Full PDB file with SEQRES, HELIX, SHEET, SSBOND, CRYST1, ORIGX, SCALE, CONECT and MASTER records, all heavy atoms in Angstrom:
SEQRES   1 A   37  GLY ALA ASN TYR PRO VAL TYR PHE VAL ASN TRP ILE GLU          
SEQRES   2 A   37  ALA MET GLU PHE CYS LYS LYS LEU ASN GLU GLN GLU LYS          
SEQRES   3 A   37  THR ALA GLY ARG LEU PRO GLU GLY TYR GLU TYR                  
HELIX    1 AA1 TRP A   11  THR A   27  1                                  17    
CRYST1    1.000    1.000    1.000  90.00  90.00  90.00 P 1           1          
ORIGX1      1.000000  0.000000  0.000000        0.00000                         
ORIGX2      0.000000  1.000000  0.000000        0.00000                         
ORIGX3      0.000000  0.000000  1.000000        0.00000                         
SCALE1      1.000000  0.000000  0.000000        0.00000                         
SCALE2      0.000000  1.000000  0.000000        0.00000                         
SCALE3      0.000000  0.000000  1.000000        0.00000                         
ATOM      1  N   GLY A   1     -35.736 -32.285 -38.258  1.00  0.00           N  
ATOM      2  CA  GLY A   1     -36.271 -33.595 -38.243  1.00  0.00           C  
ATOM      3  C   GLY A   1     -35.539 -34.554 -39.223  1.00  0.00           C  
ATOM      4  O   GLY A   1     -34.931 -34.075 -40.248  1.00  0.00           O  
ATOM      5  N   ALA A   2     -35.726 -35.830 -38.981  1.00  0.00           N  
ATOM      6  CA  ALA A   2     -34.991 -36.768 -39.861  1.00  0.00           C  
ATOM      7  C   ALA A   2     -35.194 -36.662 -41.303  1.00  0.00           C  
ATOM      8  O   ALA A   2     -34.379 -36.793 -42.112  1.00  0.00           O  
ATOM      9  CB  ALA A   2     -35.363 -38.271 -39.283  1.00  0.00           C  
ATOM     10  N   ASN A   3     -36.526 -36.446 -41.658  1.00  0.00           N  
ATOM     11  CA  ASN A   3     -36.871 -36.452 -43.116  1.00  0.00           C  
ATOM     12  C   ASN A   3     -37.024 -35.011 -43.621  1.00  0.00           C  
ATOM     13  O   ASN A   3     -37.409 -34.797 -44.839  1.00  0.00           O  
ATOM     14  CB  ASN A   3     -38.267 -37.147 -43.283  1.00  0.00           C  
ATOM     15  CG  ASN A   3     -38.155 -38.644 -43.064  1.00  0.00           C  
ATOM     16  OD1 ASN A   3     -37.156 -39.205 -43.458  1.00  0.00           O  
ATOM     17  ND2 ASN A   3     -39.051 -39.257 -42.522  1.00  0.00           N  
ATOM     18  N   TYR A   4     -36.591 -34.050 -42.942  1.00  0.00           N  
ATOM     19  CA  TYR A   4     -36.399 -32.682 -43.435  1.00  0.00           C  
ATOM     20  C   TYR A   4     -35.178 -32.570 -44.245  1.00  0.00           C  
ATOM     21  O   TYR A   4     -34.155 -33.189 -43.932  1.00  0.00           O  
ATOM     22  CB  TYR A   4     -36.352 -31.722 -42.295  1.00  0.00           C  
ATOM     23  CG  TYR A   4     -37.746 -31.305 -41.644  1.00  0.00           C  
ATOM     24  CD1 TYR A   4     -38.301 -32.248 -40.840  1.00  0.00           C  
ATOM     25  CD2 TYR A   4     -38.414 -30.107 -41.980  1.00  0.00           C  
ATOM     26  CE1 TYR A   4     -39.532 -32.008 -40.188  1.00  0.00           C  
ATOM     27  CE2 TYR A   4     -39.628 -29.845 -41.400  1.00  0.00           C  
ATOM     28  CZ  TYR A   4     -40.210 -30.679 -40.516  1.00  0.00           C  
ATOM     29  OH  TYR A   4     -41.401 -30.483 -39.865  1.00  0.00           O  
ATOM     30  N   PRO A   5     -35.194 -31.750 -45.360  1.00  0.00           N  
ATOM     31  CA  PRO A   5     -33.842 -31.616 -46.060  1.00  0.00           C  
ATOM     32  C   PRO A   5     -32.826 -30.950 -45.183  1.00  0.00           C  
ATOM     33  O   PRO A   5     -33.107 -30.105 -44.337  1.00  0.00           O  
ATOM     34  CB  PRO A   5     -34.272 -30.646 -47.255  1.00  0.00           C  
ATOM     35  CG  PRO A   5     -35.451 -29.957 -46.817  1.00  0.00           C  
ATOM     36  CD  PRO A   5     -36.191 -30.903 -45.858  1.00  0.00           C  
ATOM     37  N   VAL A   6     -31.556 -31.442 -45.236  1.00  0.00           N  
ATOM     38  CA  VAL A   6     -30.446 -30.702 -44.565  1.00  0.00           C  
ATOM     39  C   VAL A   6     -30.259 -29.352 -45.168  1.00  0.00           C  
ATOM     40  O   VAL A   6     -30.326 -29.149 -46.451  1.00  0.00           O  
ATOM     41  CB  VAL A   6     -29.265 -31.592 -44.549  1.00  0.00           C  
ATOM     42  CG1 VAL A   6     -28.647 -31.637 -45.958  1.00  0.00           C  
ATOM     43  CG2 VAL A   6     -28.180 -31.039 -43.550  1.00  0.00           C  
ATOM     44  N   TYR A   7     -29.910 -28.334 -44.374  1.00  0.00           N  
ATOM     45  CA  TYR A   7     -29.621 -27.093 -44.871  1.00  0.00           C  
ATOM     46  C   TYR A   7     -28.412 -26.445 -44.095  1.00  0.00           C  
ATOM     47  O   TYR A   7     -27.974 -27.090 -43.100  1.00  0.00           O  
ATOM     48  CB  TYR A   7     -30.796 -26.172 -44.917  1.00  0.00           C  
ATOM     49  CG  TYR A   7     -31.604 -25.997 -43.510  1.00  0.00           C  
ATOM     50  CD1 TYR A   7     -31.258 -25.111 -42.594  1.00  0.00           C  
ATOM     51  CD2 TYR A   7     -32.664 -26.848 -43.287  1.00  0.00           C  
ATOM     52  CE1 TYR A   7     -31.904 -25.064 -41.356  1.00  0.00           C  
ATOM     53  CE2 TYR A   7     -33.302 -26.827 -42.068  1.00  0.00           C  
ATOM     54  CZ  TYR A   7     -32.953 -25.850 -41.107  1.00  0.00           C  
ATOM     55  OH  TYR A   7     -33.597 -25.785 -39.912  1.00  0.00           O  
ATOM     56  N   PHE A   8     -28.090 -25.263 -44.493  1.00  0.00           N  
ATOM     57  CA  PHE A   8     -26.901 -24.539 -43.941  1.00  0.00           C  
ATOM     58  C   PHE A   8     -25.599 -25.448 -44.218  1.00  0.00           C  
ATOM     59  O   PHE A   8     -24.791 -25.707 -43.405  1.00  0.00           O  
ATOM     60  CB  PHE A   8     -27.033 -24.326 -42.421  1.00  0.00           C  
ATOM     61  CG  PHE A   8     -26.166 -23.212 -41.949  1.00  0.00           C  
ATOM     62  CD1 PHE A   8     -26.491 -21.922 -42.263  1.00  0.00           C  
ATOM     63  CD2 PHE A   8     -25.074 -23.423 -41.209  1.00  0.00           C  
ATOM     64  CE1 PHE A   8     -25.792 -20.825 -41.862  1.00  0.00           C  
ATOM     65  CE2 PHE A   8     -24.255 -22.378 -40.698  1.00  0.00           C  
ATOM     66  CZ  PHE A   8     -24.622 -21.083 -41.113  1.00  0.00           C  
ATOM     67  N   VAL A   9     -25.528 -25.904 -45.530  1.00  0.00           N  
ATOM     68  CA  VAL A   9     -24.530 -26.683 -46.072  1.00  0.00           C  
ATOM     69  C   VAL A   9     -23.798 -26.015 -47.252  1.00  0.00           C  
ATOM     70  O   VAL A   9     -24.585 -25.510 -48.129  1.00  0.00           O  
ATOM     71  CB  VAL A   9     -24.998 -28.092 -46.529  1.00  0.00           C  
ATOM     72  CG1 VAL A   9     -23.840 -28.850 -47.141  1.00  0.00           C  
ATOM     73  CG2 VAL A   9     -25.663 -28.827 -45.446  1.00  0.00           C  
ATOM     74  N   ASN A  10     -22.466 -25.784 -47.202  1.00  0.00           N  
ATOM     75  CA  ASN A  10     -21.875 -25.189 -48.295  1.00  0.00           C  
ATOM     76  C   ASN A  10     -21.405 -26.193 -49.317  1.00  0.00           C  
ATOM     77  O   ASN A  10     -21.550 -27.457 -49.130  1.00  0.00           O  
ATOM     78  CB  ASN A  10     -20.671 -24.328 -47.866  1.00  0.00           C  
ATOM     79  CG  ASN A  10     -19.586 -25.048 -47.235  1.00  0.00           C  
ATOM     80  OD1 ASN A  10     -19.318 -26.216 -47.473  1.00  0.00           O  
ATOM     81  ND2 ASN A  10     -18.878 -24.383 -46.199  1.00  0.00           N  
ATOM     82  N   TRP A  11     -20.793 -25.848 -50.501  1.00  0.00           N  
ATOM     83  CA  TRP A  11     -20.485 -26.742 -51.487  1.00  0.00           C  
ATOM     84  C   TRP A  11     -19.419 -27.735 -51.134  1.00  0.00           C  
ATOM     85  O   TRP A  11     -19.421 -28.861 -51.452  1.00  0.00           O  
ATOM     86  CB  TRP A  11     -20.052 -25.947 -52.752  1.00  0.00           C  
ATOM     87  CG  TRP A  11     -19.711 -26.757 -53.990  1.00  0.00           C  
ATOM     88  CD1 TRP A  11     -20.533 -27.103 -54.918  1.00  0.00           C  
ATOM     89  CD2 TRP A  11     -18.559 -27.286 -54.313  1.00  0.00           C  
ATOM     90  NE1 TRP A  11     -19.900 -27.756 -55.947  1.00  0.00           N  
ATOM     91  CE2 TRP A  11     -18.676 -27.981 -55.664  1.00  0.00           C  
ATOM     92  CE3 TRP A  11     -17.226 -27.329 -53.778  1.00  0.00           C  
ATOM     93  CZ2 TRP A  11     -17.610 -28.568 -56.269  1.00  0.00           C  
ATOM     94  CZ3 TRP A  11     -16.128 -27.973 -54.438  1.00  0.00           C  
ATOM     95  CH2 TRP A  11     -16.345 -28.664 -55.647  1.00  0.00           C  
ATOM     96  N   ILE A  12     -18.416 -27.159 -50.319  1.00  0.00           N  
ATOM     97  CA  ILE A  12     -17.367 -28.063 -49.848  1.00  0.00           C  
ATOM     98  C   ILE A  12     -17.931 -29.200 -48.981  1.00  0.00           C  
ATOM     99  O   ILE A  12     -17.552 -30.350 -49.104  1.00  0.00           O  
ATOM    100  CB  ILE A  12     -16.336 -27.221 -49.008  1.00  0.00           C  
ATOM    101  CG1 ILE A  12     -15.719 -26.153 -49.954  1.00  0.00           C  
ATOM    102  CG2 ILE A  12     -15.267 -28.118 -48.473  1.00  0.00           C  
ATOM    103  CD1 ILE A  12     -14.945 -25.165 -49.128  1.00  0.00           C  
ATOM    104  N   GLU A  13     -18.759 -28.899 -48.131  1.00  0.00           N  
ATOM    105  CA  GLU A  13     -19.352 -29.885 -47.227  1.00  0.00           C  
ATOM    106  C   GLU A  13     -20.257 -30.897 -48.052  1.00  0.00           C  
ATOM    107  O   GLU A  13     -20.212 -32.091 -47.720  1.00  0.00           O  
ATOM    108  CB  GLU A  13     -20.286 -29.189 -46.130  1.00  0.00           C  
ATOM    109  CG  GLU A  13     -19.329 -28.418 -45.146  1.00  0.00           C  
ATOM    110  CD  GLU A  13     -20.229 -27.512 -44.295  1.00  0.00           C  
ATOM    111  OE1 GLU A  13     -21.347 -27.068 -44.746  1.00  0.00           O  
ATOM    112  OE2 GLU A  13     -19.710 -27.171 -43.126  1.00  0.00           O  
ATOM    113  N   ALA A  14     -20.969 -30.420 -48.975  1.00  0.00           N  
ATOM    114  CA  ALA A  14     -21.737 -31.345 -49.867  1.00  0.00           C  
ATOM    115  C   ALA A  14     -20.846 -32.393 -50.509  1.00  0.00           C  
ATOM    116  O   ALA A  14     -21.209 -33.459 -50.694  1.00  0.00           O  
ATOM    117  CB  ALA A  14     -22.611 -30.522 -50.833  1.00  0.00           C  
ATOM    118  N   MET A  15     -19.696 -31.823 -51.036  1.00  0.00           N  
ATOM    119  CA  MET A  15     -18.721 -32.673 -51.702  1.00  0.00           C  
ATOM    120  C   MET A  15     -18.059 -33.631 -50.757  1.00  0.00           C  
ATOM    121  O   MET A  15     -17.773 -34.746 -51.105  1.00  0.00           O  
ATOM    122  CB  MET A  15     -17.715 -31.940 -52.471  1.00  0.00           C  
ATOM    123  CG  MET A  15     -18.239 -31.232 -53.711  1.00  0.00           C  
ATOM    124  SD  MET A  15     -18.839 -32.274 -54.941  1.00  0.00           S  
ATOM    125  CE  MET A  15     -17.346 -33.089 -55.598  1.00  0.00           C  
ATOM    126  N   GLU A  16     -17.878 -33.150 -49.468  1.00  0.00           N  
ATOM    127  CA  GLU A  16     -17.265 -34.119 -48.395  1.00  0.00           C  
ATOM    128  C   GLU A  16     -18.212 -35.210 -48.142  1.00  0.00           C  
ATOM    129  O   GLU A  16     -17.856 -36.373 -47.934  1.00  0.00           O  
ATOM    130  CB  GLU A  16     -16.893 -33.266 -47.239  1.00  0.00           C  
ATOM    131  CG  GLU A  16     -16.223 -34.117 -46.127  1.00  0.00           C  
ATOM    132  CD  GLU A  16     -14.839 -34.674 -46.504  1.00  0.00           C  
ATOM    133  OE1 GLU A  16     -14.259 -34.109 -47.432  1.00  0.00           O  
ATOM    134  OE2 GLU A  16     -14.432 -35.606 -45.829  1.00  0.00           O  
ATOM    135  N   PHE A  17     -19.551 -34.910 -48.120  1.00  0.00           N  
ATOM    136  CA  PHE A  17     -20.550 -35.949 -47.867  1.00  0.00           C  
ATOM    137  C   PHE A  17     -20.435 -36.991 -48.905  1.00  0.00           C  
ATOM    138  O   PHE A  17     -20.434 -38.208 -48.699  1.00  0.00           O  
ATOM    139  CB  PHE A  17     -21.942 -35.300 -47.930  1.00  0.00           C  
ATOM    140  CG  PHE A  17     -23.116 -36.237 -47.851  1.00  0.00           C  
ATOM    141  CD1 PHE A  17     -23.649 -36.611 -46.572  1.00  0.00           C  
ATOM    142  CD2 PHE A  17     -23.577 -36.894 -48.995  1.00  0.00           C  
ATOM    143  CE1 PHE A  17     -24.717 -37.380 -46.637  1.00  0.00           C  
ATOM    144  CE2 PHE A  17     -24.666 -37.737 -48.971  1.00  0.00           C  
ATOM    145  CZ  PHE A  17     -25.224 -38.062 -47.739  1.00  0.00           C  
ATOM    146  N   CYS A  18     -20.300 -36.542 -50.293  1.00  0.00           N  
ATOM    147  CA  CYS A  18     -20.089 -37.545 -51.354  1.00  0.00           C  
ATOM    148  C   CYS A  18     -18.888 -38.352 -51.260  1.00  0.00           C  
ATOM    149  O   CYS A  18     -18.912 -39.497 -51.571  1.00  0.00           O  
ATOM    150  CB  CYS A  18     -20.138 -36.711 -52.701  1.00  0.00           C  
ATOM    151  SG  CYS A  18     -21.661 -35.907 -53.134  1.00  0.00           S  
ATOM    152  N   LYS A  19     -17.821 -37.704 -50.833  1.00  0.00           N  
ATOM    153  CA  LYS A  19     -16.558 -38.473 -50.704  1.00  0.00           C  
ATOM    154  C   LYS A  19     -16.723 -39.604 -49.591  1.00  0.00           C  
ATOM    155  O   LYS A  19     -16.257 -40.717 -49.842  1.00  0.00           O  
ATOM    156  CB  LYS A  19     -15.408 -37.455 -50.262  1.00  0.00           C  
ATOM    157  CG  LYS A  19     -14.062 -38.105 -50.002  1.00  0.00           C  
ATOM    158  CD  LYS A  19     -13.036 -37.167 -49.600  1.00  0.00           C  
ATOM    159  CE  LYS A  19     -11.740 -37.777 -49.193  1.00  0.00           C  
ATOM    160  NZ  LYS A  19     -10.763 -36.816 -48.768  1.00  0.00           N  
ATOM    161  N   LYS A  20     -17.238 -39.229 -48.476  1.00  0.00           N  
ATOM    162  CA  LYS A  20     -17.428 -40.237 -47.428  1.00  0.00           C  
ATOM    163  C   LYS A  20     -18.433 -41.220 -47.811  1.00  0.00           C  
ATOM    164  O   LYS A  20     -18.300 -42.504 -47.492  1.00  0.00           O  
ATOM    165  CB  LYS A  20     -17.913 -39.571 -46.171  1.00  0.00           C  
ATOM    166  CG  LYS A  20     -16.765 -38.727 -45.522  1.00  0.00           C  
ATOM    167  CD  LYS A  20     -17.177 -38.229 -44.145  1.00  0.00           C  
ATOM    168  CE  LYS A  20     -16.085 -37.431 -43.511  1.00  0.00           C  
ATOM    169  NZ  LYS A  20     -16.336 -37.030 -42.081  1.00  0.00           N  
ATOM    170  N   LEU A  21     -19.463 -40.864 -48.546  1.00  0.00           N  
ATOM    171  CA  LEU A  21     -20.477 -41.933 -49.116  1.00  0.00           C  
ATOM    172  C   LEU A  21     -19.668 -42.854 -50.095  1.00  0.00           C  
ATOM    173  O   LEU A  21     -19.971 -44.058 -50.071  1.00  0.00           O  
ATOM    174  CB  LEU A  21     -21.573 -41.217 -49.774  1.00  0.00           C  
ATOM    175  CG  LEU A  21     -22.686 -42.149 -50.262  1.00  0.00           C  
ATOM    176  CD1 LEU A  21     -23.222 -43.027 -49.226  1.00  0.00           C  
ATOM    177  CD2 LEU A  21     -23.823 -41.302 -50.902  1.00  0.00           C  
ATOM    178  N   ASN A  22     -18.889 -42.303 -50.925  1.00  0.00           N  
ATOM    179  CA  ASN A  22     -18.084 -43.123 -51.825  1.00  0.00           C  
ATOM    180  C   ASN A  22     -17.219 -44.197 -51.067  1.00  0.00           C  
ATOM    181  O   ASN A  22     -17.170 -45.402 -51.384  1.00  0.00           O  
ATOM    182  CB  ASN A  22     -17.120 -42.357 -52.713  1.00  0.00           C  
ATOM    183  CG  ASN A  22     -17.915 -41.764 -53.981  1.00  0.00           C  
ATOM    184  OD1 ASN A  22     -18.725 -42.459 -54.486  1.00  0.00           O  
ATOM    185  ND2 ASN A  22     -17.606 -40.518 -54.204  1.00  0.00           N  
ATOM    186  N   GLU A  23     -16.607 -43.781 -50.072  1.00  0.00           N  
ATOM    187  CA  GLU A  23     -15.757 -44.645 -49.206  1.00  0.00           C  
ATOM    188  C   GLU A  23     -16.574 -45.751 -48.596  1.00  0.00           C  
ATOM    189  O   GLU A  23     -16.186 -46.969 -48.611  1.00  0.00           O  
ATOM    190  CB  GLU A  23     -14.968 -43.796 -48.137  1.00  0.00           C  
ATOM    191  CG  GLU A  23     -13.957 -42.854 -48.729  1.00  0.00           C  
ATOM    192  CD  GLU A  23     -13.403 -41.891 -47.653  1.00  0.00           C  
ATOM    193  OE1 GLU A  23     -13.924 -41.840 -46.602  1.00  0.00           O  
ATOM    194  OE2 GLU A  23     -12.519 -41.114 -48.023  1.00  0.00           O  
ATOM    195  N   GLN A  24     -17.736 -45.348 -48.087  1.00  0.00           N  
ATOM    196  CA  GLN A  24     -18.565 -46.358 -47.374  1.00  0.00           C  
ATOM    197  C   GLN A  24     -19.077 -47.391 -48.370  1.00  0.00           C  
ATOM    198  O   GLN A  24     -19.126 -48.597 -48.135  1.00  0.00           O  
ATOM    199  CB  GLN A  24     -19.806 -45.683 -46.684  1.00  0.00           C  
ATOM    200  CG  GLN A  24     -20.775 -46.605 -46.103  1.00  0.00           C  
ATOM    201  CD  GLN A  24     -21.880 -45.947 -45.341  1.00  0.00           C  
ATOM    202  OE1 GLN A  24     -21.603 -45.179 -44.447  1.00  0.00           O  
ATOM    203  NE2 GLN A  24     -23.171 -46.099 -45.729  1.00  0.00           N  
ATOM    204  N   GLU A  25     -19.548 -46.890 -49.506  1.00  0.00           N  
ATOM    205  CA  GLU A  25     -20.187 -47.867 -50.521  1.00  0.00           C  
ATOM    206  C   GLU A  25     -19.131 -48.649 -51.239  1.00  0.00           C  
ATOM    207  O   GLU A  25     -19.424 -49.833 -51.567  1.00  0.00           O  
ATOM    208  CB  GLU A  25     -21.035 -47.085 -51.512  1.00  0.00           C  
ATOM    209  CG  GLU A  25     -22.309 -46.401 -50.936  1.00  0.00           C  
ATOM    210  CD  GLU A  25     -23.105 -47.414 -50.318  1.00  0.00           C  
ATOM    211  OE1 GLU A  25     -23.685 -48.300 -50.934  1.00  0.00           O  
ATOM    212  OE2 GLU A  25     -23.204 -47.476 -49.023  1.00  0.00           O  
ATOM    213  N   LYS A  26     -17.882 -48.217 -51.371  1.00  0.00           N  
ATOM    214  CA  LYS A  26     -16.807 -48.952 -51.913  1.00  0.00           C  
ATOM    215  C   LYS A  26     -16.459 -50.133 -51.009  1.00  0.00           C  
ATOM    216  O   LYS A  26     -16.281 -51.255 -51.293  1.00  0.00           O  
ATOM    217  CB  LYS A  26     -15.659 -48.130 -52.243  1.00  0.00           C  
ATOM    218  CG  LYS A  26     -14.483 -48.790 -52.911  1.00  0.00           C  
ATOM    219  CD  LYS A  26     -13.280 -47.872 -53.254  1.00  0.00           C  
ATOM    220  CE  LYS A  26     -12.312 -48.640 -54.121  1.00  0.00           C  
ATOM    221  NZ  LYS A  26     -11.185 -47.715 -54.507  1.00  0.00           N  
ATOM    222  N   THR A  27     -16.342 -49.751 -49.707  1.00  0.00           N  
ATOM    223  CA  THR A  27     -16.093 -50.771 -48.660  1.00  0.00           C  
ATOM    224  C   THR A  27     -17.174 -51.814 -48.630  1.00  0.00           C  
ATOM    225  O   THR A  27     -16.935 -53.062 -48.482  1.00  0.00           O  
ATOM    226  CB  THR A  27     -15.970 -50.143 -47.270  1.00  0.00           C  
ATOM    227  OG1 THR A  27     -14.927 -49.204 -47.285  1.00  0.00           O  
ATOM    228  CG2 THR A  27     -15.606 -51.198 -46.239  1.00  0.00           C  
ATOM    229  N   ALA A  28     -18.430 -51.439 -48.861  1.00  0.00           N  
ATOM    230  CA  ALA A  28     -19.576 -52.349 -48.835  1.00  0.00           C  
ATOM    231  C   ALA A  28     -19.750 -53.134 -50.065  1.00  0.00           C  
ATOM    232  O   ALA A  28     -20.504 -54.078 -50.211  1.00  0.00           O  
ATOM    233  CB  ALA A  28     -20.872 -51.575 -48.513  1.00  0.00           C  
ATOM    234  N   GLY A  29     -18.950 -52.796 -51.101  1.00  0.00           N  
ATOM    235  CA  GLY A  29     -18.965 -53.561 -52.357  1.00  0.00           C  
ATOM    236  C   GLY A  29     -20.209 -53.201 -53.214  1.00  0.00           C  
ATOM    237  O   GLY A  29     -20.584 -53.926 -54.094  1.00  0.00           O  
ATOM    238  N   ARG A  30     -20.792 -52.024 -52.935  1.00  0.00           N  
ATOM    239  CA  ARG A  30     -22.010 -51.622 -53.705  1.00  0.00           C  
ATOM    240  C   ARG A  30     -21.711 -50.595 -54.672  1.00  0.00           C  
ATOM    241  O   ARG A  30     -22.699 -50.207 -55.435  1.00  0.00           O  
ATOM    242  CB  ARG A  30     -23.072 -51.177 -52.761  1.00  0.00           C  
ATOM    243  CG  ARG A  30     -23.646 -52.316 -51.842  1.00  0.00           C  
ATOM    244  CD  ARG A  30     -24.868 -51.769 -51.057  1.00  0.00           C  
ATOM    245  NE  ARG A  30     -24.431 -50.720 -50.145  1.00  0.00           N  
ATOM    246  CZ  ARG A  30     -24.380 -50.916 -48.762  1.00  0.00           C  
ATOM    247  NH1 ARG A  30     -24.555 -52.132 -48.243  1.00  0.00           N  
ATOM    248  NH2 ARG A  30     -24.011 -49.939 -48.060  1.00  0.00           N  
ATOM    249  N   LEU A  31     -20.600 -50.125 -54.826  1.00  0.00           N  
ATOM    250  CA  LEU A  31     -20.325 -48.955 -55.676  1.00  0.00           C  
ATOM    251  C   LEU A  31     -20.141 -49.477 -57.201  1.00  0.00           C  
ATOM    252  O   LEU A  31     -19.157 -50.225 -57.388  1.00  0.00           O  
ATOM    253  CB  LEU A  31     -19.065 -48.117 -55.287  1.00  0.00           C  
ATOM    254  CG  LEU A  31     -18.791 -46.822 -56.022  1.00  0.00           C  
ATOM    255  CD1 LEU A  31     -19.937 -45.858 -55.647  1.00  0.00           C  
ATOM    256  CD2 LEU A  31     -17.462 -46.197 -55.465  1.00  0.00           C  
ATOM    257  N   PRO A  32     -21.059 -49.139 -58.094  1.00  0.00           N  
ATOM    258  CA  PRO A  32     -20.854 -49.666 -59.486  1.00  0.00           C  
ATOM    259  C   PRO A  32     -19.528 -49.259 -60.096  1.00  0.00           C  
ATOM    260  O   PRO A  32     -19.110 -48.064 -59.899  1.00  0.00           O  
ATOM    261  CB  PRO A  32     -22.089 -49.101 -60.227  1.00  0.00           C  
ATOM    262  CG  PRO A  32     -23.074 -48.798 -59.137  1.00  0.00           C  
ATOM    263  CD  PRO A  32     -22.225 -48.331 -57.960  1.00  0.00           C  
ATOM    264  N   GLU A  33     -18.926 -50.170 -60.861  1.00  0.00           N  
ATOM    265  CA  GLU A  33     -17.711 -49.754 -61.460  1.00  0.00           C  
ATOM    266  C   GLU A  33     -17.766 -48.676 -62.422  1.00  0.00           C  
ATOM    267  O   GLU A  33     -18.720 -48.644 -63.176  1.00  0.00           O  
ATOM    268  CB  GLU A  33     -17.100 -51.061 -62.229  1.00  0.00           C  
ATOM    269  CG  GLU A  33     -15.704 -50.894 -62.732  1.00  0.00           C  
ATOM    270  CD  GLU A  33     -15.147 -52.138 -63.410  1.00  0.00           C  
ATOM    271  OE1 GLU A  33     -15.947 -53.038 -63.500  1.00  0.00           O  
ATOM    272  OE2 GLU A  33     -14.005 -52.093 -63.742  1.00  0.00           O  
ATOM    273  N   GLY A  34     -16.893 -47.694 -62.301  1.00  0.00           N  
ATOM    274  CA  GLY A  34     -16.968 -46.495 -63.208  1.00  0.00           C  
ATOM    275  C   GLY A  34     -17.895 -45.386 -62.829  1.00  0.00           C  
ATOM    276  O   GLY A  34     -18.043 -44.422 -63.499  1.00  0.00           O  
ATOM    277  N   TYR A  35     -18.473 -45.530 -61.565  1.00  0.00           N  
ATOM    278  CA  TYR A  35     -19.405 -44.541 -61.154  1.00  0.00           C  
ATOM    279  C   TYR A  35     -19.023 -44.062 -59.796  1.00  0.00           C  
ATOM    280  O   TYR A  35     -18.269 -44.820 -58.942  1.00  0.00           O  
ATOM    281  CB  TYR A  35     -20.893 -45.123 -60.966  1.00  0.00           C  
ATOM    282  CG  TYR A  35     -21.595 -45.225 -62.252  1.00  0.00           C  
ATOM    283  CD1 TYR A  35     -21.329 -46.186 -63.171  1.00  0.00           C  
ATOM    284  CD2 TYR A  35     -22.576 -44.273 -62.580  1.00  0.00           C  
ATOM    285  CE1 TYR A  35     -21.996 -46.301 -64.397  1.00  0.00           C  
ATOM    286  CE2 TYR A  35     -23.272 -44.374 -63.796  1.00  0.00           C  
ATOM    287  CZ  TYR A  35     -23.027 -45.280 -64.683  1.00  0.00           C  
ATOM    288  OH  TYR A  35     -23.681 -45.396 -65.842  1.00  0.00           O  
ATOM    289  N   GLU A  36     -19.330 -42.845 -59.426  1.00  0.00           N  
ATOM    290  CA  GLU A  36     -19.046 -42.299 -58.089  1.00  0.00           C  
ATOM    291  C   GLU A  36     -20.100 -41.355 -57.629  1.00  0.00           C  
ATOM    292  O   GLU A  36     -20.886 -40.789 -58.421  1.00  0.00           O  
ATOM    293  CB  GLU A  36     -17.729 -41.511 -58.106  1.00  0.00           C  
ATOM    294  CG  GLU A  36     -17.780 -40.217 -58.992  1.00  0.00           C  
ATOM    295  CD  GLU A  36     -16.468 -39.494 -59.091  1.00  0.00           C  
ATOM    296  OE1 GLU A  36     -15.468 -39.865 -58.346  1.00  0.00           O  
ATOM    297  OE2 GLU A  36     -16.411 -38.429 -59.786  1.00  0.00           O  
ATOM    298  N   TYR A  37     -20.389 -41.157 -56.243  1.00  0.00           N  
ATOM    299  CA  TYR A  37     -21.305 -40.300 -55.798  1.00  0.00           C  
ATOM    300  C   TYR A  37     -20.656 -38.925 -55.836  1.00  0.00           C  
ATOM    301  O   TYR A  37     -19.510 -38.727 -55.460  1.00  0.00           O  
ATOM    302  CB  TYR A  37     -21.609 -40.649 -54.253  1.00  0.00           C  
ATOM    303  CG  TYR A  37     -22.585 -41.857 -54.258  1.00  0.00           C  
ATOM    304  CD1 TYR A  37     -22.021 -43.160 -53.929  1.00  0.00           C  
ATOM    305  CD2 TYR A  37     -23.908 -41.705 -54.367  1.00  0.00           C  
ATOM    306  CE1 TYR A  37     -22.881 -44.200 -53.870  1.00  0.00           C  
ATOM    307  CE2 TYR A  37     -24.814 -42.805 -54.271  1.00  0.00           C  
ATOM    308  CZ  TYR A  37     -24.218 -44.014 -54.078  1.00  0.00           C  
ATOM    309  OH  TYR A  37     -25.104 -45.116 -54.014  1.00  0.00           O  
TER     310      TYR A  37                                                      
MASTER        0    0    0    1    0    0    0    6  309    1    0    3          
END                                                                             
C-alpha cells in the first residue's frame, strides 16, 4: 500500500533513491546549499 514502508530494498538501491531525489530537488531549486539527501 501507498503508506506502507517500502521493503526488499538493499543498500545500493536505497542510495540510488537518495541520488535521484537529490537530482530532482536540485532541479526544483529546493536543495539547501551544502546539504544532500
